[in-house]
């Protein structure tokens, strides 16, 4: 009973600190590794020369949202976006997020956020694709006013019906699907197993829709990050300890195992029924874990060595998980976000995302290997 109460208290902390995520804004990581990005760009250019301009369609939550969250709230408030572009941009970080890095890998501009599409010059706005991801999105539930994942897919379906995109556009497209755990905010050890089955069942259906209903041939599916290694899971101890929460990571591992099996089922279905489409698993859990370890030993500053200590804190830096409420916010921002791994209690800094991207980059080459 005592163990369950401790877990429930951590669940409550997880939820509370996730609210802080709503008050952050993303940006692009630290200085580029010119050798790795140059090679990726050369591959991308060669690919595009033969196959035309690739488009990227993004579905998911705050880890890949670049401007769909509700205006004047959360990721649209200072101090988010201070590193890039210099003001809140709707990203849940100080700068760039994973979407920006994947787009750069593909050799295109970051696709426009669905909510930022404006009348006039539509073809230019939609040239690189569209990002439908929105902070708070889940597979079967949401923690904000945004859509669930299936609704985001329907938004693209509506654009196709209105002929904003044709078959040729879609046949030369890549989709990224990110579900980072909003469905599990209230999970306990007792209900997590049944909830995970429900989430994976719906996610498998959603992925099938992207292949069959939308017609995108290459779908990158992100596994969940190690949620037990987020500052909100560690609580106040994140200020001085980098110890992860094993209970949360157990839930995540089960989710990822079932998701990998679901993806294999979809791949087998594509082969047996001669459907045009393939699915690529992008192991965010492993990339996150590698990046966290790398940060501990290569950050270059003892003050920022603990990756779980977020850049945003409360009460003059005494407590983690600062929440931004605009200009009058009492949140303390670290002096060097470019050295921190986490921006707030759930989201990496631009620097953190860049480190994660580098660990994930080798998997992205699968988009070319499946030609």
Protein backbone atom coordinates (compact mmCIF):
# COMPACT_ATOMS: atom_id res chain seq x y z
CA UNK A 1 0.00 0.00 0.00
CA UNK A 2 2.81 2.37 0.89
CA UNK A 3 4.54 1.65 -2.42
CA UNK A 4 1.35 2.39 -4.34
CA UNK A 5 0.85 5.67 -2.51
CA UNK A 6 4.38 6.71 -3.37
CA UNK A 7 3.73 5.89 -6.99
CA UNK A 8 0.45 7.81 -7.00
CA UNK A 9 2.19 10.82 -5.51
CA UNK A 10 4.74 10.64 -8.28
CA UNK A 11 1.89 10.38 -10.79
CA UNK A 12 0.43 13.58 -9.39
CA UNK A 13 3.82 15.24 -9.62
CA UNK A 14 4.13 14.01 -13.19
CA UNK A 15 0.82 15.67 -14.04
CA UNK A 16 1.61 18.90 -12.20
CA UNK A 17 5.00 19.32 -13.81
CA UNK A 18 3.57 18.48 -17.21
CA UNK A 19 1.38 21.54 -16.80
CA UNK A 20 4.64 23.46 -16.69
CA UNK A 21 5.32 22.10 -20.16
CA UNK A 22 2.43 24.18 -21.41
CA UNK A 23 4.44 27.25 -20.48
CA UNK A 24 7.58 26.60 -22.50
CA UNK A 25 8.69 27.37 -26.05
CA UNK A 26 11.03 25.32 -28.32
CA UNK A 27 14.00 26.22 -30.37
CA UNK A 28 16.83 24.58 -32.34
CA UNK A 29 19.69 22.86 -30.60
CA UNK A 30 23.25 23.90 -30.02
CA UNK A 31 25.91 24.47 -32.61
CA UNK A 32 25.61 22.08 -35.56
CA UNK A 33 27.99 19.20 -36.07
CA UNK A 34 28.92 20.28 -39.57
CA UNK A 35 30.30 16.94 -40.65
CA UNK A 36 27.16 14.92 -39.85
CA UNK A 37 24.67 17.50 -41.11
CA UNK A 38 26.66 18.10 -44.29
CA UNK A 39 26.60 14.39 -45.13
CA UNK A 40 22.86 14.22 -44.44
CA UNK A 41 22.20 17.22 -46.65
CA UNK A 42 24.24 15.74 -49.51
CA UNK A 43 22.23 12.52 -49.31
CA UNK A 44 18.99 14.49 -49.17
CA UNK A 45 19.89 16.64 -52.17
CA UNK A 46 20.79 13.57 -54.22
CA UNK A 47 17.52 11.94 -53.22
CA UNK A 48 15.51 15.03 -54.14
CA UNK A 49 17.31 15.45 -57.48
CA UNK A 50 15.91 12.12 -58.61
CA UNK A 51 12.59 12.14 -56.82
CA UNK A 52 11.46 15.75 -56.51
CA UNK A 53 10.86 17.83 -53.39
CA UNK A 54 10.10 15.69 -50.35
CA UNK A 55 7.36 16.77 -47.95
CA UNK A 56 7.23 16.09 -44.24
CA UNK A 57 3.98 15.57 -42.39
CA UNK A 58 4.19 15.53 -38.60
CA UNK A 59 1.63 14.17 -36.14
CA UNK A 60 1.89 14.11 -32.36
CA UNK A 61 2.37 16.21 -29.25
CA UNK A 62 4.58 18.89 -27.72
CA UNK A 63 7.81 17.06 -28.57
CA UNK A 64 7.26 17.89 -32.24
CA UNK A 65 4.80 20.82 -32.09
CA UNK A 66 6.10 23.95 -33.87
CA UNK A 67 3.14 26.29 -33.46
CA UNK A 68 -0.25 24.59 -33.12
CA UNK A 69 -0.78 25.08 -29.39
CA UNK A 70 -3.50 27.55 -28.40
CA UNK A 71 -2.42 31.21 -28.78
CA UNK A 72 -1.43 33.36 -25.80
CA UNK A 73 -0.81 30.33 -23.66
CA UNK A 74 1.87 27.78 -22.82
CA UNK A 75 4.49 27.66 -25.55
CA UNK A 76 3.49 31.11 -26.83
CA UNK A 77 4.64 32.87 -23.65
CA UNK A 78 8.09 34.16 -22.64
CA UNK A 79 10.72 33.00 -21.89
CA UNK A 80 10.17 30.24 -24.43
CA UNK A 81 11.75 30.69 -27.80
CA UNK A 82 14.49 32.92 -26.43
CA UNK A 83 17.28 30.96 -28.13
CA UNK A 84 15.42 30.51 -31.41
CA UNK A 85 13.83 32.45 -32.97
CA UNK A 86 14.32 34.95 -30.14
CA UNK A 87 10.64 35.08 -29.08
CA UNK A 88 7.88 32.51 -28.37
CA UNK A 89 7.16 30.53 -31.53
CA UNK A 90 4.80 27.83 -30.27
CA UNK A 91 7.59 25.35 -29.64
CA UNK A 92 7.87 23.76 -26.20
CA UNK A 93 11.51 24.63 -25.68
CA UNK A 94 13.92 27.53 -25.72
CA UNK A 95 14.56 26.85 -29.39
CA UNK A 96 14.36 24.17 -32.03
CA UNK A 97 12.72 20.81 -31.45
CA UNK A 98 13.04 17.38 -33.09
CA UNK A 99 10.84 18.37 -36.06
CA UNK A 100 13.31 21.08 -37.05
CA UNK A 101 16.23 18.67 -37.05
CA UNK A 102 14.42 15.97 -39.02
CA UNK A 103 13.40 18.54 -41.63
CA UNK A 104 17.00 19.72 -41.85
CA UNK A 105 18.14 16.11 -42.28
CA UNK A 106 15.72 15.75 -45.20
CA UNK A 107 17.09 18.94 -46.72
CA UNK A 108 13.88 20.97 -46.42
CA UNK A 109 12.55 23.82 -44.33
CA UNK A 110 10.59 23.02 -41.21
CA UNK A 111 7.03 22.34 -42.41
CA UNK A 112 4.49 25.01 -41.52
CA UNK A 113 2.32 24.44 -38.45
CA UNK A 114 -1.27 23.72 -39.47
CA UNK A 115 -2.64 26.57 -37.35
CA UNK A 116 -0.21 29.03 -38.97
CA UNK A 117 -1.41 28.53 -42.55
CA UNK A 118 -2.68 31.84 -43.90
CA UNK A 119 -4.59 32.94 -47.02
CA UNK A 120 -2.32 33.76 -49.93
CA UNK A 121 0.66 32.01 -51.52
CA UNK A 122 -0.61 28.67 -50.26
CA UNK A 123 1.59 26.54 -52.50
CA UNK A 124 4.75 28.11 -51.08
CA UNK A 125 3.52 27.71 -47.50
CA UNK A 126 2.77 24.01 -48.05
CA UNK A 127 5.90 23.26 -50.07
CA UNK A 128 7.68 21.35 -47.27
CA UNK A 129 4.57 19.69 -45.84
CA UNK A 130 2.53 20.45 -42.72
CA UNK A 131 2.99 19.91 -39.00
CA UNK A 132 -0.26 18.92 -37.28
CA UNK A 133 1.30 18.08 -33.89
CA UNK A 134 -0.10 19.92 -30.88
CA UNK A 135 1.02 20.09 -27.25
CA UNK A 136 -1.14 17.92 -25.01
CA UNK A 137 -2.18 15.48 -27.74
CA UNK A 138 -2.62 11.83 -26.85
CA UNK A 139 -3.73 8.71 -28.67
CA UNK A 140 -6.99 8.20 -26.77
CA UNK A 141 -7.08 11.40 -24.70
CA UNK A 142 -5.70 14.93 -24.52
CA UNK A 143 -4.52 17.16 -21.66
CA UNK A 144 -5.31 20.43 -23.43
CA UNK A 145 -7.82 21.82 -25.91
CA UNK A 146 -6.00 20.28 -28.86
CA UNK A 147 -7.00 17.29 -31.01
CA UNK A 148 -6.20 13.63 -30.44
CA UNK A 149 -3.85 11.98 -32.93
CA UNK A 150 -6.69 10.64 -35.09
CA UNK A 151 -8.08 14.16 -35.48
CA UNK A 152 -4.72 15.38 -36.76
CA UNK A 153 -4.74 12.67 -39.42
CA UNK A 154 -8.26 13.75 -40.39
CA UNK A 155 -7.01 17.33 -40.81
CA UNK A 156 -4.58 16.17 -43.49
CA UNK A 157 -7.30 14.05 -45.05
CA UNK A 158 -9.45 17.15 -45.36
CA UNK A 159 -6.61 19.06 -47.04
CA UNK A 160 -6.24 16.21 -49.55
CA UNK A 161 -9.96 16.24 -50.32
CA UNK A 162 -9.69 19.97 -50.99
CA UNK A 163 -6.77 19.20 -53.33
CA UNK A 164 -4.05 21.02 -51.48
CA UNK A 165 -1.99 17.87 -52.07
CA UNK A 166 -2.17 15.27 -54.85
CA UNK A 167 -1.02 11.67 -55.20
CA UNK A 168 2.42 12.69 -56.47
CA UNK A 169 2.95 14.94 -53.46
CA UNK A 170 2.02 12.20 -51.03
CA UNK A 171 4.02 9.51 -52.80
CA UNK A 172 7.15 11.57 -52.21
CA UNK A 173 6.38 12.25 -48.55
CA UNK A 174 7.54 11.18 -45.12
CA UNK A 175 5.38 11.13 -41.98
CA UNK A 176 6.62 11.33 -38.41
CA UNK A 177 4.38 10.19 -35.56
CA UNK A 178 5.28 11.09 -31.98
CA UNK A 179 3.27 10.03 -28.95
CA UNK A 180 5.31 10.96 -25.88
CA UNK A 181 3.05 9.74 -23.11
CA UNK A 182 0.20 12.17 -22.45
CA UNK A 183 -2.16 9.19 -22.26
CA UNK A 184 -0.26 7.95 -19.20
CA UNK A 185 -0.41 11.06 -17.04
CA UNK A 186 -2.81 9.42 -14.58
CA UNK A 187 -1.45 5.90 -14.94
CA UNK A 188 -0.65 3.71 -11.95
CA UNK A 189 1.01 0.32 -11.83
CA UNK A 190 -2.45 -1.18 -11.42
CA UNK A 191 -4.08 0.26 -14.56
CA UNK A 192 -1.09 0.84 -16.85
CA UNK A 193 -1.17 -2.55 -18.56
CA UNK A 194 -4.80 -2.30 -19.69
CA UNK A 195 -4.32 1.35 -20.67
CA UNK A 196 -1.25 0.50 -22.73
CA UNK A 197 -3.15 -2.15 -24.69
CA UNK A 198 -5.87 0.37 -25.43
CA UNK A 199 -3.38 3.04 -26.50
CA UNK A 200 -1.42 0.69 -28.78
CA UNK A 201 -4.58 -0.68 -30.38
CA UNK A 202 -5.70 2.82 -31.32
CA UNK A 203 -2.20 3.89 -32.37
CA UNK A 204 -1.97 0.90 -34.71
CA UNK A 205 -5.27 1.95 -36.28
CA UNK A 206 -4.00 5.53 -36.69
CA UNK A 207 -0.78 4.37 -38.32
CA UNK A 208 -2.76 2.21 -40.72
CA UNK A 209 -4.83 5.25 -41.68
CA UNK A 210 -1.71 7.21 -42.60
CA UNK A 211 -0.69 4.41 -44.98
CA UNK A 212 -4.11 3.44 -46.38
CA UNK A 213 -6.32 6.51 -46.12
CA UNK A 214 -3.72 9.27 -46.55
CA UNK A 215 -1.28 7.39 -48.78
CA UNK A 216 2.07 8.36 -47.29
CA UNK A 217 4.52 5.55 -48.11
CA UNK A 218 7.12 6.13 -45.38
CA UNK A 219 6.02 6.53 -41.78
CA UNK A 220 8.54 7.06 -38.99
CA UNK A 221 7.14 5.95 -35.63
CA UNK A 222 8.84 7.34 -32.53
CA UNK A 223 8.97 5.11 -29.50
CA UNK A 224 8.31 6.79 -26.16
CA UNK A 225 11.16 8.53 -24.38
CA UNK A 226 12.31 7.22 -20.96
CA UNK A 227 9.63 9.13 -19.03
CA UNK A 228 11.21 8.04 -15.78
CA UNK A 229 14.24 10.14 -16.70
CA UNK A 230 12.34 13.41 -17.05
CA UNK A 231 12.75 16.02 -14.28
CA UNK A 232 9.07 15.78 -13.40
CA UNK A 233 9.51 12.11 -12.53
CA UNK A 234 12.47 12.82 -10.26
CA UNK A 235 10.70 15.72 -8.49
CA UNK A 236 12.75 18.09 -6.30
CA UNK A 237 15.66 15.65 -6.32
CA UNK A 238 16.20 16.53 -9.99
CA UNK A 239 18.05 19.60 -8.73
CA UNK A 240 20.90 17.46 -7.48
CA UNK A 241 20.42 13.89 -8.72
CA UNK A 242 20.24 12.27 -12.15
CA UNK A 243 18.52 9.09 -10.90
CA UNK A 244 15.63 7.93 -13.08
CA UNK A 245 12.25 6.62 -11.91
CA UNK A 246 12.22 2.89 -12.69
CA UNK A 247 8.45 2.56 -12.23
CA UNK A 248 7.71 4.98 -15.06
CA UNK A 249 10.33 3.46 -17.30
CA UNK A 250 8.75 0.03 -16.79
CA UNK A 251 5.47 1.39 -18.17
CA UNK A 252 7.33 2.97 -21.09
CA UNK A 253 9.22 -0.22 -21.92
CA UNK A 254 5.96 -2.17 -22.08
CA UNK A 255 4.45 0.52 -24.33
CA UNK A 256 7.46 0.44 -26.65
CA UNK A 257 7.54 -3.35 -26.84
CA UNK A 258 3.88 -3.53 -27.81
CA UNK A 259 4.31 -0.67 -30.28
CA UNK A 260 7.22 -2.41 -32.02
CA UNK A 261 5.07 -5.52 -32.35
CA UNK A 262 2.21 -3.46 -33.78
CA UNK A 263 4.56 -1.90 -36.33
CA UNK A 264 5.83 -5.35 -37.34
CA UNK A 265 2.22 -6.44 -37.85
CA UNK A 266 1.62 -3.43 -40.10
CA UNK A 267 4.76 -4.15 -42.11
CA UNK A 268 3.71 -7.78 -42.55
CA UNK A 269 0.25 -6.61 -43.59
CA UNK A 270 1.78 -4.28 -46.20
CA UNK A 271 3.86 -7.14 -47.62
CA UNK A 272 1.09 -9.74 -47.66
CA UNK A 273 -1.51 -7.43 -49.16
CA UNK A 274 0.95 -5.62 -51.46
CA UNK A 275 0.15 -2.27 -49.90
CA UNK A 276 2.33 0.70 -50.77
CA UNK A 277 3.88 1.72 -47.49
CA UNK A 278 6.49 0.95 -44.90
CA UNK A 279 6.97 1.82 -41.25
CA UNK A 280 10.25 2.70 -39.59
CA UNK A 281 10.72 2.52 -35.82
CA UNK A 282 12.69 5.46 -34.44
CA UNK A 283 13.96 4.51 -30.99
CA UNK A 284 13.55 7.72 -29.00
CA UNK A 285 14.03 5.79 -25.75
CA UNK A 286 17.53 4.74 -26.75
CA UNK A 287 18.42 8.11 -28.31
CA UNK A 288 17.25 9.94 -25.18
CA UNK A 289 19.24 7.58 -22.95
CA UNK A 290 22.42 7.95 -25.00
CA UNK A 291 22.08 11.72 -25.09
CA UNK A 292 21.55 11.92 -21.32
CA UNK A 293 24.69 9.89 -20.67
CA UNK A 294 26.69 11.90 -23.18
CA UNK A 295 25.57 15.11 -21.50
CA UNK A 296 26.84 14.02 -18.10
CA UNK A 297 30.39 13.63 -19.36
CA UNK A 298 30.67 16.15 -22.16
CA UNK A 299 28.69 19.18 -21.06
CA UNK A 300 31.87 21.15 -20.31
CA UNK A 301 30.44 22.70 -17.14
CA UNK A 302 30.03 21.20 -13.67
CA UNK A 303 27.02 23.47 -13.06
CA UNK A 304 25.12 21.87 -15.95
CA UNK A 305 26.48 18.35 -15.55
CA UNK A 306 23.24 16.95 -14.07
CA UNK A 307 21.00 16.53 -17.14
CA UNK A 308 17.81 16.30 -15.03
CA UNK A 309 18.19 19.81 -13.63
CA UNK A 310 15.96 21.93 -15.88
CA UNK A 311 16.87 25.39 -17.10
CA UNK A 312 13.58 26.76 -15.79
CA UNK A 313 13.19 26.67 -12.01
CA UNK A 314 11.01 28.28 -9.34
CA UNK A 315 11.77 30.19 -6.14
CA UNK A 316 15.20 31.51 -7.14
CA UNK A 317 16.32 28.15 -8.44
CA UNK A 318 15.40 26.10 -5.36
CA UNK A 319 12.76 23.97 -7.07
CA UNK A 320 12.57 22.48 -10.56
CA UNK A 321 9.77 22.78 -13.08
CA UNK A 322 9.23 26.49 -13.48
CA UNK A 323 5.96 27.61 -15.04
CA UNK A 324 5.91 30.69 -17.24
CA UNK A 325 3.05 33.15 -16.93
CA UNK A 326 4.47 35.85 -19.18
CA UNK A 327 6.30 39.05 -18.32
CA UNK A 328 5.46 38.96 -14.60
CA UNK A 329 6.58 35.38 -14.16
CA UNK A 330 8.82 34.60 -11.19
CA UNK A 331 10.41 31.73 -13.07
CA UNK A 332 14.18 31.70 -13.06
CA UNK A 333 15.92 30.97 -16.36
CA UNK A 334 19.41 29.51 -16.28
CA UNK A 335 22.18 31.69 -17.67
CA UNK A 336 23.24 29.19 -20.31
CA UNK A 337 20.36 27.23 -21.87
CA UNK A 338 22.81 26.07 -24.51
CA UNK A 339 24.53 24.00 -21.79
CA UNK A 340 21.38 22.58 -20.19
CA UNK A 341 19.70 19.38 -21.37
CA UNK A 342 16.15 20.07 -20.17
CA UNK A 343 14.31 23.34 -20.65
CA UNK A 344 11.47 22.58 -18.26
CA UNK A 345 10.29 19.44 -16.46
CA UNK A 346 9.28 17.57 -19.59
CA UNK A 347 10.95 19.14 -22.59
CA UNK A 348 14.59 19.30 -23.68
CA UNK A 349 16.34 22.51 -24.58
CA UNK A 350 17.43 23.10 -28.16
CA UNK A 351 20.78 21.75 -27.03
CA UNK A 352 19.09 18.65 -25.59
CA UNK A 353 17.12 18.03 -28.77
CA UNK A 354 20.25 18.36 -30.87
CA UNK A 355 22.02 15.75 -28.74
CA UNK A 356 18.99 13.46 -29.07
CA UNK A 357 18.89 14.04 -32.82
CA UNK A 358 22.55 13.06 -33.18
CA UNK A 359 21.83 9.79 -31.36
CA UNK A 360 18.78 9.19 -33.57
CA UNK A 361 20.32 10.29 -36.86
CA UNK A 362 21.54 6.87 -38.02
CA UNK A 363 17.94 5.60 -37.90
CA UNK A 364 16.77 8.39 -40.19
CA UNK A 365 18.86 6.99 -43.05
CA UNK A 366 16.27 4.20 -43.23
CA UNK A 367 14.07 6.65 -45.10
CA UNK A 368 16.56 6.33 -47.98
CA UNK A 369 17.23 2.62 -47.56
CA UNK A 370 13.56 1.81 -48.26
CA UNK A 371 13.62 3.22 -51.82
